[in-house]
Structures are given as structure tokens and as C-alpha cells.
Amino acid sequence: MATMTSCTLNGKPIDIDAAIDMKDSAGTTPDFRCNECSKPVRPHRSGGHASAHFEHLERNPNCSQSHVAR
């Protein structure tokens, strides 16, 4: 399973912690994009067995950063 901890926002890199803080303060999810395929991603907090990470809104089988379908 890929674990993406950075992405881009307005063409600039942003890490997962900053993205979660930004999402919390904005009340909505900004237009975060995958570094590899530029498709939309959303930040997820750590919890259970997973560390904080970005996940594609829709799985992209052509991107190595996209989670494998279960």
C-alpha cells in the first residue's frame, strides 16, 4: 500500500501535517493534488494501524501513489 505524505497545493509542495491543519482551519478540503499524477487527493489523519497520509479521491491504477483496490 502506498503511503503519500506530501502533495501539491497551487503548484507548491505541502506535507501531510500542514494539509491537515489547513483543512481543519478552512472547514473544507483545499484542492490538494498528487505529486505524481496531479489527480485530486485528500488528507487522512493517523489512526488505528495507518499513519497520516494523502489518498486519491478516486483510485488511479496508473499512479504508483494510489492505493491498491481491496
Protein backbone atom coordinates (compact mmCIF):
# COMPACT_ATOMS: atom_id res chain seq x y z
CA MET A 1 0.00 0.00 0.00
CA ALA A 2 1.35 3.40 -0.97
CA THR A 3 1.63 6.00 1.77
CA MET A 4 1.76 9.51 0.36
CA THR A 5 2.91 12.09 2.93
CA SER A 6 3.21 15.11 0.64
CA CYS A 7 1.28 16.54 -2.28
CA THR A 8 0.91 19.87 -4.07
CA LEU A 9 -1.41 22.80 -3.49
CA ASN A 10 -1.42 25.56 -6.09
CA GLY A 11 1.74 24.05 -7.60
CA LYS A 12 3.70 24.08 -4.33
CA PRO A 13 4.59 21.10 -2.12
CA ILE A 14 2.76 20.65 1.17
CA ASP A 15 3.26 17.94 3.80
CA ILE A 16 0.52 15.93 5.47
CA ASP A 17 0.62 17.75 8.84
CA ALA A 18 0.30 21.18 7.22
CA ALA A 19 -2.51 19.90 4.98
CA ILE A 20 -4.50 18.52 7.91
CA ASP A 21 -4.09 21.83 9.78
CA MET A 22 -5.17 23.76 6.68
CA LYS A 23 -8.22 21.53 6.16
CA ASP A 24 -9.23 21.95 9.82
CA SER A 25 -8.94 25.74 9.75
CA ALA A 26 -10.63 26.12 6.34
CA GLY A 27 -13.56 23.86 7.17
CA THR A 28 -13.32 22.43 3.65
CA THR A 29 -10.69 20.45 1.78
CA PRO A 30 -8.47 22.64 -0.43
CA ASP A 31 -7.54 21.45 -3.92
CA PHE A 32 -4.70 19.10 -2.94
CA ARG A 33 -3.13 17.24 -5.88
CA CYS A 34 -0.97 14.14 -6.21
CA ASN A 35 2.72 14.87 -6.90
CA GLU A 36 2.85 12.10 -9.49
CA CYS A 37 -0.41 12.18 -11.46
CA SER A 38 -1.91 15.56 -10.43
CA LYS A 39 -5.27 13.94 -9.58
CA PRO A 40 -7.16 15.22 -6.50
CA VAL A 41 -6.18 13.79 -3.10
CA ARG A 42 -7.42 14.30 0.46
CA PRO A 43 -5.52 14.18 3.75
CA HIS A 44 -6.29 11.46 6.31
CA ARG A 45 -5.30 11.61 9.97
CA SER A 46 -3.36 8.81 11.60
CA GLY A 47 -5.41 6.25 13.43
CA GLY A 48 -5.62 2.56 14.08
CA HIS A 49 -2.90 0.91 12.04
CA ALA A 50 -2.36 3.73 9.50
CA SER A 51 -0.16 6.79 9.77
CA ALA A 52 -1.35 10.14 8.40
CA HIS A 53 -1.36 10.16 4.60
CA PHE A 54 -2.98 11.51 1.44
CA GLU A 55 -5.35 9.33 -0.55
CA HIS A 56 -6.68 9.82 -4.08
CA LEU A 57 -10.35 10.80 -4.25
CA GLU A 58 -10.69 8.17 -6.98
CA ARG A 59 -8.20 5.30 -7.24
CA ASN A 60 -5.80 5.78 -10.15
CA PRO A 61 -4.36 2.44 -11.30
CA ASN A 62 -1.74 4.30 -13.38
CA CYS A 63 -0.25 6.11 -10.35
CA SER A 64 2.22 4.37 -8.04
CA GLN A 65 0.97 6.59 -5.17
CA SER A 66 -2.62 5.36 -5.46
CA HIS A 67 -3.88 2.72 -3.01
CA VAL A 68 -4.49 -0.74 -4.36
CA ALA A 69 -8.15 -1.71 -4.62
CA ARG A 70 -9.28 -4.07 -1.90
